[in-house]
Amino acid sequence: LRHLVSLSRGASALNHAQRRTVRRLLTTFSSLSASNPSSGLKLARAAAKASVAGSLAFALTNTFGDCKAAKNDEKESFPNLEEYKKFHDELSKKYKNLDVLPLTDQSLALHTIIRDRVTSRDDFVFYSNRVIRLLIEQALSKLPFVSCVVMTPTNAPFYGNEFRERVVGVSIMRAGDSMVAGLRDVAKGVRIGKILIQRDEESEDKQAVLSYCKMPADVARRSVLLLDPMLATGGSAKLAIKVLMDHGVKEEQITFVNVVATPEGIDALFREYPKIKMVTSFVDPGMNECKYILPGLGDFGDRYFGTEEDQHGRKTHTYH
């Protein structure tokens, strides 16, 4: 409550809509019984109904500490590299079309940087791009190839491969746009489709709602890399896959490319679309009651594009 009061007084730090929201939250929270164990969740819902930005709602909810892990027996994190590997291996065995990038000391270091809440935005973008580049290369390796032969400058034949189908990247806006540059860096002239899907924060299960869609005319004849860095409940990804199939794309033509996923999201995706392929760099153990990934890395789009409320990150990471 003291935190809310301090926010309401910090007029220069909040815009008009946010100040109005904080005042509403003060009224709502004051009416809640201190003994009510779900007060934090009610606070988050009140914030959503007041149209507060998701990052502010997340910060306020965490302040009161009532957004707990979905299941008490689930871990929020693992203590070392070997435990993460074991967890990832179990999931890969369970879902034959799931490809989790090999976890090494280096890849764990990259994730440590982008998950650190005090990492600067420049470093978050730089090291996220490194992870995304690895993901894109791995996803391209899963596409169908055909054998071919070329002549080298020494007039000797070289027997190799070439892509059997053309590729299109489809980003789930806005966070998925962060992965487009990584695809263009390795797939020259690749065409890009856009899907805008937003979560209805007022709904109990954060239902995904389609707002915009634009696809290349020949998308149905191409292999599709569906780009979205975060997979929580799987609602947005499932809706995006449905949109692609409505445009004539077959399940087996779709590869979902993702930075951080949850077991719940993976299960929801493969239960409904078992023929798709998925490439991710990391699977986190679960989510809290507000459907935020734990341990997660925050709002990927906000941190990547610099639109988060809190721009306090100042920590930099170098090799010297």
C-alpha atoms as a PDB file:
ATOM      1  CA  LEU A   1       0.000   0.000   0.000  1.00  0.00           C
ATOM      2  CA  ARG A   2       2.879   2.354   0.801  1.00  0.00           C
ATOM      3  CA  HIS A   3       4.357   1.566  -2.616  1.00  0.00           C
ATOM      4  CA  LEU A   4       1.105   2.537  -4.334  1.00  0.00           C
ATOM      5  CA  VAL A   5       0.941   5.771  -2.364  1.00  0.00           C
ATOM      6  CA  SER A   6       4.498   6.641  -3.398  1.00  0.00           C
ATOM      7  CA  LEU A   7       3.602   5.916  -7.024  1.00  0.00           C
ATOM      8  CA  SER A   8       0.544   8.150  -6.824  1.00  0.00           C
ATOM      9  CA  ARG A   9       2.726  10.981  -5.545  1.00  0.00           C
ATOM     10  CA  GLY A  10       5.365  10.522  -8.219  1.00  0.00           C
ATOM     11  CA  ALA A  11       3.447  12.532 -10.785  1.00  0.00           C
ATOM     12  CA  SER A  12       6.500  13.214 -12.927  1.00  0.00           C
ATOM     13  CA  ALA A  13       7.275   9.487 -13.263  1.00  0.00           C
ATOM     14  CA  LEU A  14       3.824   8.464 -14.522  1.00  0.00           C
ATOM     15  CA  ASN A  15       1.646   9.663 -17.358  1.00  0.00           C
ATOM     16  CA  HIS A  16      -1.951  10.750 -16.831  1.00  0.00           C
ATOM     17  CA  ALA A  17      -3.479   7.341 -17.586  1.00  0.00           C
ATOM     18  CA  GLN A  18      -1.085   5.584 -15.216  1.00  0.00           C
ATOM     19  CA  ARG A  19      -1.723   8.070 -12.398  1.00  0.00           C
ATOM     20  CA  ARG A  20      -5.449   7.488 -12.836  1.00  0.00           C
ATOM     21  CA  THR A  21      -4.864   3.727 -12.748  1.00  0.00           C
ATOM     22  CA  VAL A  22      -2.792   3.938  -9.567  1.00  0.00           C
ATOM     23  CA  ARG A  23      -5.567   5.903  -7.875  1.00  0.00           C
ATOM     24  CA  ARG A  24      -8.032   3.191  -8.901  1.00  0.00           C
ATOM     25  CA  LEU A  25      -5.683   0.528  -7.588  1.00  0.00           C
ATOM     26  CA  LEU A  26      -5.399   2.355  -4.266  1.00  0.00           C
ATOM     27  CA  THR A  27      -9.160   2.276  -3.940  1.00  0.00           C
ATOM     28  CA  THR A  28      -9.343  -1.391  -4.953  1.00  0.00           C
ATOM     29  CA  PHE A  29      -6.524  -2.567  -2.737  1.00  0.00           C
ATOM     30  CA  SER A  30      -7.802  -0.650   0.271  1.00  0.00           C
ATOM     31  CA  SER A  31     -11.078  -2.555  -0.005  1.00  0.00           C
ATOM     32  CA  LEU A  32      -9.384  -5.956   0.028  1.00  0.00           C
ATOM     33  CA  SER A  33      -8.974  -7.842   3.260  1.00  0.00           C
ATOM     34  CA  ALA A  34      -5.359  -8.273   4.300  1.00  0.00           C
ATOM     35  CA  SER A  35      -6.144 -11.886   5.101  1.00  0.00           C
ATOM     36  CA  ASN A  36      -7.371 -12.639   1.578  1.00  0.00           C
ATOM     37  CA  PRO A  37      -4.722 -14.910  -0.007  1.00  0.00           C
ATOM     38  CA  SER A  38      -5.742 -13.957  -3.543  1.00  0.00           C
ATOM     39  CA  SER A  39      -5.483 -10.202  -3.013  1.00  0.00           C
ATOM     40  CA  GLY A  40      -2.457  -9.914  -5.284  1.00  0.00           C
ATOM     41  CA  LEU A  41      -4.258 -11.664  -8.130  1.00  0.00           C
ATOM     42  CA  LYS A  42      -7.277  -9.405  -7.662  1.00  0.00           C
ATOM     43  CA  LEU A  43      -4.925  -6.432  -7.767  1.00  0.00           C
ATOM     44  CA  ALA A  44      -3.480  -7.598 -11.078  1.00  0.00           C
ATOM     45  CA  ARG A  45      -6.954  -8.069 -12.562  1.00  0.00           C
ATOM     46  CA  ALA A  46      -7.970  -4.630 -11.329  1.00  0.00           C
ATOM     47  CA  ALA A  47      -4.903  -3.221 -13.055  1.00  0.00           C
ATOM     48  CA  ALA A  48      -5.835  -4.953 -16.311  1.00  0.00           C
ATOM     49  CA  LYS A  49      -9.412  -3.703 -16.146  1.00  0.00           C
ATOM     50  CA  ALA A  50      -8.092  -0.199 -15.575  1.00  0.00           C
ATOM     51  CA  SER A  51      -6.128  -0.595 -18.857  1.00  0.00           C
ATOM     52  CA  VAL A  52      -2.751  -0.240 -17.137  1.00  0.00           C
ATOM     53  CA  ALA A  53       0.335  -1.258 -19.114  1.00  0.00           C
ATOM     54  CA  GLY A  54       1.243  -4.914 -18.618  1.00  0.00           C
ATOM     55  CA  SER A  55       4.696  -4.106 -17.278  1.00  0.00           C
ATOM     56  CA  LEU A  56       3.249  -1.817 -14.575  1.00  0.00           C
ATOM     57  CA  ALA A  57       0.662  -4.418 -13.610  1.00  0.00           C
ATOM     58  CA  PHE A  58       3.435  -7.000 -13.377  1.00  0.00           C
ATOM     59  CA  ALA A  59       5.561  -4.731 -11.186  1.00  0.00           C
ATOM     60  CA  LEU A  60       2.681  -3.923  -8.837  1.00  0.00           C
ATOM     61  CA  THR A  61       1.655  -7.568  -8.523  1.00  0.00           C
ATOM     62  CA  ASN A  62       5.205  -8.622  -7.715  1.00  0.00           C
ATOM     63  CA  THR A  63       5.384  -5.911  -5.061  1.00  0.00           C
ATOM     64  CA  PHE A  64       2.726  -7.661  -3.019  1.00  0.00           C
ATOM     65  CA  GLY A  65       4.152 -11.108  -3.732  1.00  0.00           C
ATOM     66  CA  ASP A  66       0.867 -12.917  -4.217  1.00  0.00           C
ATOM     67  CA  CYS A  67       1.508 -14.195  -7.762  1.00  0.00           C
ATOM     68  CA  LYS A  68       2.829 -17.636  -6.866  1.00  0.00           C
ATOM     69  CA  ALA A  69       4.026 -20.495  -9.031  1.00  0.00           C
ATOM     70  CA  ALA A  70       1.241 -22.434 -10.719  1.00  0.00           C
ATOM     71  CA  LYS A  71       2.144 -25.601  -8.837  1.00  0.00           C
ATOM     72  CA  ASN A  72       3.914 -25.691  -5.494  1.00  0.00           C
ATOM     73  CA  ASP A  73       5.850 -28.806  -6.451  1.00  0.00           C
ATOM     74  CA  GLU A  74       7.372 -27.170  -9.537  1.00  0.00           C
ATOM     75  CA  LYS A  75      10.778 -25.506  -9.404  1.00  0.00           C
ATOM     76  CA  GLU A  76      11.202 -21.940 -10.583  1.00  0.00           C
ATOM     77  CA  SER A  77      14.758 -22.656 -11.719  1.00  0.00           C
ATOM     78  CA  PHE A  78      17.496 -25.291 -11.654  1.00  0.00           C
ATOM     79  CA  PRO A  79      20.817 -24.904  -9.809  1.00  0.00           C
ATOM     80  CA  ASN A  80      23.248 -25.930 -12.555  1.00  0.00           C
ATOM     81  CA  LEU A  81      23.821 -26.777 -16.204  1.00  0.00           C
ATOM     82  CA  GLU A  82      23.385 -30.527 -15.772  1.00  0.00           C
ATOM     83  CA  GLU A  83      19.940 -30.157 -14.176  1.00  0.00           C
ATOM     84  CA  TYR A  84      18.791 -27.948 -17.062  1.00  0.00           C
ATOM     85  CA  LYS A  85      20.121 -30.480 -19.581  1.00  0.00           C
ATOM     86  CA  LYS A  86      18.262 -33.309 -17.879  1.00  0.00           C
ATOM     87  CA  PHE A  87      15.036 -31.307 -17.902  1.00  0.00           C
ATOM     88  CA  HIS A  88      15.429 -30.417 -21.599  1.00  0.00           C
ATOM     89  CA  ASP A  89      16.292 -34.009 -22.545  1.00  0.00           C
ATOM     90  CA  GLU A  90      13.125 -35.309 -20.875  1.00  0.00           C
ATOM     91  CA  LEU A  91      10.992 -32.878 -22.865  1.00  0.00           C
ATOM     92  CA  SER A  92      12.768 -33.697 -26.141  1.00  0.00           C
ATOM     93  CA  LYS A  93      12.032 -37.392 -25.597  1.00  0.00           C
ATOM     94  CA  LYS A  94       8.390 -36.677 -24.874  1.00  0.00           C
ATOM     95  CA  TYR A  95       7.837 -34.518 -27.978  1.00  0.00           C
ATOM     96  CA  LYS A  96       9.553 -35.903 -31.077  1.00  0.00           C
ATOM     97  CA  ASN A  97       9.160 -32.653 -33.058  1.00  0.00           C
ATOM     98  CA  LEU A  98      10.660 -30.496 -30.287  1.00  0.00           C
ATOM     99  CA  ASP A  99      14.262 -29.391 -30.811  1.00  0.00           C
ATOM    100  CA  VAL A 100      15.908 -27.658 -27.838  1.00  0.00           C
ATOM    101  CA  LEU A 101      19.288 -26.120 -28.687  1.00  0.00           C
ATOM    102  CA  PRO A 102      22.202 -28.006 -27.100  1.00  0.00           C
ATOM    103  CA  LEU A 103      22.851 -26.407 -23.720  1.00  0.00           C
ATOM    104  CA  THR A 104      26.498 -25.432 -23.248  1.00  0.00           C
ATOM    105  CA  ASP A 105      28.316 -23.173 -20.817  1.00  0.00           C
ATOM    106  CA  GLN A 106      28.300 -20.478 -23.507  1.00  0.00           C
ATOM    107  CA  SER A 107      24.566 -20.670 -24.255  1.00  0.00           C
ATOM    108  CA  LEU A 108      23.821 -20.641 -20.522  1.00  0.00           C
ATOM    109  CA  ALA A 109      26.015 -17.527 -20.212  1.00  0.00           C
ATOM    110  CA  LEU A 110      24.022 -15.845 -23.003  1.00  0.00           C
ATOM    111  CA  HIS A 111      20.770 -16.604 -21.198  1.00  0.00           C
ATOM    112  CA  THR A 112      22.231 -15.353 -17.927  1.00  0.00           C
ATOM    113  CA  ILE A 113      22.918 -11.980 -19.550  1.00  0.00           C
ATOM    114  CA  ILE A 114      19.515 -11.498 -21.163  1.00  0.00           C
ATOM    115  CA  ARG A 115      17.691 -12.638 -18.020  1.00  0.00           C
ATOM    116  CA  ASP A 116      19.585 -10.310 -15.683  1.00  0.00           C
ATOM    117  CA  ARG A 117      17.180  -7.491 -14.797  1.00  0.00           C
ATOM    118  CA  VAL A 118      20.017  -4.935 -14.633  1.00  0.00           C
ATOM    119  CA  THR A 119      21.436  -5.757 -18.091  1.00  0.00           C
ATOM    120  CA  SER A 120      21.465  -2.633 -20.267  1.00  0.00           C
ATOM    121  CA  ARG A 121      19.132  -2.486 -23.238  1.00  0.00           C
ATOM    122  CA  ASP A 122      22.052  -2.429 -25.696  1.00  0.00           C
ATOM    123  CA  ASP A 123      23.420  -5.628 -24.209  1.00  0.00           C
ATOM    124  CA  PHE A 124      19.991  -7.226 -24.058  1.00  0.00           C
ATOM    125  CA  VAL A 125      19.559  -6.590 -27.792  1.00  0.00           C
ATOM    126  CA  PHE A 126      23.107  -7.698 -28.665  1.00  0.00           C
ATOM    127  CA  TYR A 127      23.042 -10.988 -26.759  1.00  0.00           C
ATOM    128  CA  SER A 128      19.417 -11.741 -27.681  1.00  0.00           C
ATOM    129  CA  ASN A 129      20.436 -11.402 -31.323  1.00  0.00           C
ATOM    130  CA  ARG A 130      23.184 -13.968 -30.753  1.00  0.00           C
ATOM    131  CA  VAL A 131      20.659 -16.448 -29.348  1.00  0.00           C
ATOM    132  CA  ILE A 132      18.213 -15.701 -32.176  1.00  0.00           C
ATOM    133  CA  ARG A 133      20.900 -16.292 -34.818  1.00  0.00           C
ATOM    134  CA  LEU A 134      21.630 -19.730 -33.350  1.00  0.00           C
ATOM    135  CA  LEU A 135      17.911 -20.527 -33.370  1.00  0.00           C
ATOM    136  CA  ILE A 136      17.423 -19.460 -36.981  1.00  0.00           C
ATOM    137  CA  GLU A 137      20.345 -21.567 -38.200  1.00  0.00           C
ATOM    138  CA  GLN A 138      18.989 -24.589 -36.335  1.00  0.00           C
ATOM    139  CA  ALA A 139      15.468 -24.035 -37.664  1.00  0.00           C
ATOM    140  CA  LEU A 140      16.737 -23.798 -41.259  1.00  0.00           C
ATOM    141  CA  SER A 141      18.584 -27.080 -40.811  1.00  0.00           C
ATOM    142  CA  LYS A 142      15.224 -28.775 -40.131  1.00  0.00           C
ATOM    143  CA  LEU A 143      13.762 -27.793 -43.500  1.00  0.00           C
ATOM    144  CA  PRO A 144      13.663 -30.278 -46.400  1.00  0.00           C
ATOM    145  CA  PHE A 145      16.700 -30.456 -48.705  1.00  0.00           C
ATOM    146  CA  VAL A 146      17.455 -32.186 -52.003  1.00  0.00           C
ATOM    147  CA  SER A 147      20.788 -33.446 -53.293  1.00  0.00           C
ATOM    148  CA  CYS A 148      22.614 -31.438 -55.951  1.00  0.00           C
ATOM    149  CA  VAL A 149      26.038 -31.192 -57.552  1.00  0.00           C
ATOM    150  CA  VAL A 150      28.075 -28.076 -58.368  1.00  0.00           C
ATOM    151  CA  MET A 151      31.429 -27.552 -60.049  1.00  0.00           C
ATOM    152  CA  THR A 152      34.175 -25.958 -57.972  1.00  0.00           C
ATOM    153  CA  PRO A 153      36.805 -23.528 -59.391  1.00  0.00           C
ATOM    154  CA  THR A 154      39.115 -26.536 -59.737  1.00  0.00           C
ATOM    155  CA  ASN A 155      36.635 -28.103 -62.208  1.00  0.00           C
ATOM    156  CA  ALA A 156      35.860 -30.840 -59.713  1.00  0.00           C
ATOM    157  CA  PRO A 157      32.307 -31.788 -58.756  1.00  0.00           C
ATOM    158  CA  PHE A 158      31.019 -31.169 -55.232  1.00  0.00           C
ATOM    159  CA  TYR A 159      28.013 -33.197 -54.140  1.00  0.00           C
ATOM    160  CA  GLY A 160      25.879 -31.229 -51.715  1.00  0.00           C
ATOM    161  CA  ASN A 161      22.368 -30.053 -50.777  1.00  0.00           C
ATOM    162  CA  GLU A 162      20.019 -27.236 -51.618  1.00  0.00           C
ATOM    163  CA  PHE A 163      16.699 -26.144 -50.090  1.00  0.00           C
ATOM    164  CA  ARG A 164      13.767 -28.028 -51.569  1.00  0.00           C
ATOM    165  CA  GLU A 165      11.232 -25.307 -50.770  1.00  0.00           C
ATOM    166  CA  ARG A 166      11.318 -21.555 -50.468  1.00  0.00           C
ATOM    167  CA  VAL A 167      11.083 -20.024 -47.002  1.00  0.00           C
ATOM    168  CA  VAL A 168       8.864 -17.345 -45.511  1.00  0.00           C
ATOM    169  CA  GLY A 169       9.219 -15.863 -42.050  1.00  0.00           C
ATOM    170  CA  VAL A 170       6.057 -14.926 -40.150  1.00  0.00           C
ATOM    171  CA  SER A 171       6.472 -12.832 -37.026  1.00  0.00           C
ATOM    172  CA  ILE A 172       3.916 -12.641 -34.237  1.00  0.00           C
ATOM    173  CA  MET A 173       4.026  -8.910 -33.576  1.00  0.00           C
ATOM    174  CA  ARG A 174       5.508  -7.140 -31.697  1.00  0.00           C
ATOM    175  CA  ALA A 175       8.097  -9.304 -29.961  1.00  0.00           C
ATOM    176  CA  GLY A 176       8.421 -11.602 -32.988  1.00  0.00           C
ATOM    177  CA  ASP A 177       9.698  -8.661 -35.039  1.00  0.00           C
ATOM    178  CA  SER A 178      12.921  -8.858 -33.014  1.00  0.00           C
ATOM    179  CA  MET A 179      13.698 -12.156 -34.778  1.00  0.00           C
ATOM    180  CA  VAL A 180      13.169 -10.952 -38.355  1.00  0.00           C
ATOM    181  CA  ALA A 181      16.637  -9.390 -38.722  1.00  0.00           C
ATOM    182  CA  GLY A 182      18.269 -12.653 -37.641  1.00  0.00           C
ATOM    183  CA  LEU A 183      16.345 -14.519 -40.350  1.00  0.00           C
ATOM    184  CA  ARG A 184      17.220 -11.946 -43.013  1.00  0.00           C
ATOM    185  CA  ASP A 185      20.905 -12.192 -42.065  1.00  0.00           C
ATOM    186  CA  VAL A 186      21.006 -15.839 -43.149  1.00  0.00           C
ATOM    187  CA  ALA A 187      18.151 -16.143 -45.661  1.00  0.00           C
ATOM    188  CA  LYS A 188      18.752 -13.661 -48.460  1.00  0.00           C
ATOM    189  CA  GLY A 189      15.614 -12.052 -49.865  1.00  0.00           C
ATOM    190  CA  VAL A 190      13.294 -13.963 -47.514  1.00  0.00           C
ATOM    191  CA  ARG A 191       9.676 -12.823 -47.532  1.00  0.00           C
ATOM    192  CA  ILE A 192       8.060 -11.776 -44.252  1.00  0.00           C
ATOM    193  CA  GLY A 193       4.466 -12.123 -43.075  1.00  0.00           C
ATOM    194  CA  LYS A 194       2.949 -10.384 -40.045  1.00  0.00           C
ATOM    195  CA  ILE A 195       0.391 -11.467 -37.474  1.00  0.00           C
ATOM    196  CA  LEU A 196      -0.722  -9.217 -34.616  1.00  0.00           C
ATOM    197  CA  ILE A 197      -2.140 -11.173 -31.704  1.00  0.00           C
ATOM    198  CA  GLN A 198      -2.809  -9.631 -28.326  1.00  0.00           C
ATOM    199  CA  ARG A 199      -3.719 -11.255 -25.021  1.00  0.00           C
ATOM    200  CA  ASP A 200      -7.026 -10.259 -23.442  1.00  0.00           C
ATOM    201  CA  GLU A 201      -5.705  -9.394 -19.975  1.00  0.00           C
ATOM    202  CA  GLU A 202      -9.241  -9.288 -18.562  1.00  0.00           C
ATOM    203  CA  SER A 203      -9.948 -12.928 -19.387  1.00  0.00           C
ATOM    204  CA  GLU A 204      -9.149 -15.662 -16.877  1.00  0.00           C
ATOM    205  CA  ASP A 205      -6.887 -17.596 -19.274  1.00  0.00           C
ATOM    206  CA  LYS A 206      -5.420 -14.521 -21.054  1.00  0.00           C
ATOM    207  CA  GLN A 207      -7.208 -15.476 -24.282  1.00  0.00           C
ATOM    208  CA  ALA A 208      -5.415 -14.562 -27.521  1.00  0.00           C
ATOM    209  CA  VAL A 209      -7.234 -12.239 -29.954  1.00  0.00           C
ATOM    210  CA  LEU A 210      -6.287 -11.743 -33.649  1.00  0.00           C
ATOM    211  CA  SER A 211      -6.000  -8.061 -34.607  1.00  0.00           C
ATOM    212  CA  TYR A 212      -4.079  -8.024 -37.922  1.00  0.00           C
ATOM    213  CA  CYS A 213      -2.699 -10.404 -40.545  1.00  0.00           C
ATOM    214  CA  LYS A 214      -0.722  -9.908 -43.775  1.00  0.00           C
ATOM    215  CA  MET A 215       0.830 -12.801 -45.708  1.00  0.00           C
ATOM    216  CA  PRO A 216       2.750 -13.253 -48.977  1.00  0.00           C
ATOM    217  CA  ALA A 217       0.394 -14.461 -51.710  1.00  0.00           C
ATOM    218  CA  ASP A 218       2.267 -17.764 -52.131  1.00  0.00           C
ATOM    219  CA  VAL A 219       2.687 -18.556 -48.423  1.00  0.00           C
ATOM    220  CA  ALA A 220       0.945 -21.929 -48.851  1.00  0.00           C
ATOM    221  CA  ARG A 221       3.749 -23.101 -51.168  1.00  0.00           C
ATOM    222  CA  ARG A 222       6.557 -22.197 -48.769  1.00  0.00           C
ATOM    223  CA  SER A 223       8.141 -23.529 -45.602  1.00  0.00           C
ATOM    224  CA  VAL A 224       7.113 -21.218 -42.770  1.00  0.00           C
ATOM    225  CA  LEU A 225       9.256 -20.121 -39.840  1.00  0.00           C
ATOM    226  CA  LEU A 226       6.829 -18.760 -37.244  1.00  0.00           C
ATOM    227  CA  LEU A 227       8.704 -16.316 -35.004  1.00  0.00           C
ATOM    228  CA  ASP A 228       7.853 -15.461 -31.397  1.00  0.00           C
ATOM    229  CA  PRO A 229      10.465 -15.286 -28.617  1.00  0.00           C
ATOM    230  CA  MET A 230       8.200 -16.220 -25.675  1.00  0.00           C
ATOM    231  CA  LEU A 231       5.845 -19.217 -25.354  1.00  0.00           C
ATOM    232  CA  ALA A 232       3.840 -19.170 -22.112  1.00  0.00           C
ATOM    233  CA  THR A 233       0.337 -20.660 -22.384  1.00  0.00           C
ATOM    234  CA  GLY A 234       0.601 -21.229 -26.131  1.00  0.00           C
ATOM    235  CA  GLY A 235      -2.559 -19.268 -26.916  1.00  0.00           C
ATOM    236  CA  SER A 236      -0.940 -16.788 -29.309  1.00  0.00           C
ATOM    237  CA  ALA A 237       1.103 -19.454 -31.105  1.00  0.00           C
ATOM    238  CA  LYS A 238      -1.926 -21.725 -31.571  1.00  0.00           C
ATOM    239  CA  LEU A 239      -3.969 -18.886 -33.012  1.00  0.00           C
ATOM    240  CA  ALA A 240      -1.097 -17.930 -35.343  1.00  0.00           C
ATOM    241  CA  ILE A 241      -0.853 -21.529 -36.598  1.00  0.00           C
ATOM    242  CA  LYS A 242      -4.609 -21.549 -37.220  1.00  0.00           C
ATOM    243  CA  VAL A 243      -4.246 -18.336 -39.244  1.00  0.00           C
ATOM    244  CA  LEU A 244      -1.469 -19.928 -41.325  1.00  0.00           C
ATOM    245  CA  MET A 245      -3.556 -23.036 -41.968  1.00  0.00           C
ATOM    246  CA  ASP A 246      -6.489 -20.841 -42.982  1.00  0.00           C
ATOM    247  CA  HIS A 247      -4.117 -19.460 -45.645  1.00  0.00           C
ATOM    248  CA  GLY A 248      -3.489 -22.968 -46.983  1.00  0.00           C
ATOM    249  CA  VAL A 249      -0.281 -23.780 -45.068  1.00  0.00           C
ATOM    250  CA  LYS A 250      -0.018 -27.407 -43.928  1.00  0.00           C
ATOM    251  CA  GLU A 251       0.971 -28.286 -40.362  1.00  0.00           C
ATOM    252  CA  GLU A 252       4.144 -30.034 -41.439  1.00  0.00           C
ATOM    253  CA  GLN A 253       5.295 -26.893 -43.288  1.00  0.00           C
ATOM    254  CA  ILE A 254       5.399 -24.862 -40.054  1.00  0.00           C
ATOM    255  CA  THR A 255       8.405 -24.534 -37.746  1.00  0.00           C
ATOM    256  CA  PHE A 256       7.805 -22.487 -34.599  1.00  0.00           C
ATOM    257  CA  VAL A 257      11.005 -20.660 -33.590  1.00  0.00           C
ATOM    258  CA  ASN A 258      11.172 -19.525 -29.983  1.00  0.00           C
ATOM    259  CA  VAL A 259      13.670 -18.227 -27.399  1.00  0.00           C
ATOM    260  CA  VAL A 260      12.043 -19.266 -24.095  1.00  0.00           C
ATOM    261  CA  ALA A 261       9.163 -21.726 -23.663  1.00  0.00           C
ATOM    262  CA  THR A 262       7.261 -23.473 -20.878  1.00  0.00           C
ATOM    263  CA  PRO A 263       6.215 -27.141 -20.660  1.00  0.00           C
ATOM    264  CA  GLU A 264       2.563 -26.012 -20.568  1.00  0.00           C
ATOM    265  CA  GLY A 265       2.929 -24.027 -23.780  1.00  0.00           C
ATOM    266  CA  ILE A 266       4.786 -26.841 -25.553  1.00  0.00           C
ATOM    267  CA  ASP A 267       2.160 -29.380 -24.528  1.00  0.00           C
ATOM    268  CA  ALA A 268      -0.705 -27.131 -25.648  1.00  0.00           C
ATOM    269  CA  LEU A 269       0.977 -26.565 -29.015  1.00  0.00           C
ATOM    270  CA  PHE A 270       1.687 -30.226 -29.833  1.00  0.00           C
ATOM    271  CA  ARG A 271      -1.622 -31.456 -28.460  1.00  0.00           C
ATOM    272  CA  GLU A 272      -3.481 -29.349 -31.016  1.00  0.00           C
ATOM    273  CA  TYR A 273      -0.920 -29.360 -33.839  1.00  0.00           C
ATOM    274  CA  PRO A 274       1.210 -32.534 -33.517  1.00  0.00           C
ATOM    275  CA  LYS A 275       2.768 -32.256 -36.992  1.00  0.00           C
ATOM    276  CA  ILE A 276       4.437 -28.869 -36.563  1.00  0.00           C
ATOM    277  CA  LYS A 277       8.117 -28.583 -35.656  1.00  0.00           C
ATOM    278  CA  MET A 278       9.439 -26.402 -32.840  1.00  0.00           C
ATOM    279  CA  VAL A 279      12.925 -25.055 -32.177  1.00  0.00           C
ATOM    280  CA  THR A 280      13.630 -23.300 -28.881  1.00  0.00           C
ATOM    281  CA  SER A 281      16.754 -22.254 -27.016  1.00  0.00           C
ATOM    282  CA  PHE A 282      15.440 -22.807 -23.493  1.00  0.00           C
ATOM    283  CA  VAL A 283      12.505 -24.300 -21.587  1.00  0.00           C
ATOM    284  CA  ASP A 284      11.681 -22.745 -18.210  1.00  0.00           C
ATOM    285  CA  PRO A 285       9.960 -24.864 -15.531  1.00  0.00           C
ATOM    286  CA  GLY A 286       6.605 -23.061 -15.410  1.00  0.00           C
ATOM    287  CA  MET A 287       4.492 -19.942 -14.879  1.00  0.00           C
ATOM    288  CA  ASN A 288       2.958 -18.010 -12.015  1.00  0.00           C
ATOM    289  CA  GLU A 289      -0.760 -17.379 -11.535  1.00  0.00           C
ATOM    290  CA  CYS A 290      -0.585 -14.334 -13.802  1.00  0.00           C
ATOM    291  CA  LYS A 291       0.783 -16.510 -16.642  1.00  0.00           C
ATOM    292  CA  TYR A 292       4.273 -14.982 -16.543  1.00  0.00           C
ATOM    293  CA  ILE A 293       7.112 -17.394 -17.317  1.00  0.00           C
ATOM    294  CA  LEU A 294       9.343 -18.300 -14.351  1.00  0.00           C
ATOM    295  CA  PRO A 295      12.193 -17.541 -14.016  1.00  0.00           C
ATOM    296  CA  GLY A 296      11.653 -15.885 -17.418  1.00  0.00           C
ATOM    297  CA  LEU A 297      13.274 -12.677 -18.585  1.00  0.00           C
ATOM    298  CA  GLY A 298      10.467 -10.115 -18.372  1.00  0.00           C
ATOM    299  CA  ASP A 299       8.632  -8.702 -21.370  1.00  0.00           C
ATOM    300  CA  PHE A 300      10.903  -9.519 -24.322  1.00  0.00           C
ATOM    301  CA  GLY A 301       9.372  -6.924 -26.644  1.00  0.00           C
ATOM    302  CA  ASP A 302       9.582  -4.132 -24.073  1.00  0.00           C
ATOM    303  CA  ARG A 303      13.205  -4.887 -23.229  1.00  0.00           C
ATOM    304  CA  TYR A 304      14.224  -5.316 -26.892  1.00  0.00           C
ATOM    305  CA  PHE A 305      12.484  -2.233 -28.285  1.00  0.00           C
ATOM    306  CA  GLY A 306      13.015  -0.012 -25.246  1.00  0.00           C
ATOM    307  CA  THR A 307       9.374   0.518 -24.300  1.00  0.00           C
ATOM    308  CA  GLU A 308       9.489  -0.888 -20.767  1.00  0.00           C
ATOM    309  CA  GLU A 309       8.438   1.383 -17.925  1.00  0.00           C
ATOM    310  CA  ASP A 310      11.702   0.820 -16.050  1.00  0.00           C
ATOM    311  CA  GLN A 311      14.826   1.588 -18.106  1.00  0.00           C
ATOM    312  CA  HIS A 312      17.174   1.206 -15.124  1.00  0.00           C
ATOM    313  CA  GLY A 313      19.401  -1.498 -16.634  1.00  0.00           C
ATOM    314  CA  ARG A 314      23.001  -0.299 -16.704  1.00  0.00           C
ATOM    315  CA  LYS A 315      25.052  -3.497 -16.466  1.00  0.00           C
ATOM    316  CA  THR A 316      27.235  -4.208 -19.508  1.00  0.00           C
ATOM    317  CA  HIS A 317      28.990  -7.425 -20.538  1.00  0.00           C
ATOM    318  CA  THR A 318      32.213  -7.526 -22.541  1.00  0.00           C
ATOM    319  CA  TYR A 319      35.003  -9.980 -23.342  1.00  0.00           C
ATOM    320  CA  HIS A 320      37.753  -7.753 -21.925  1.00  0.00           C
END
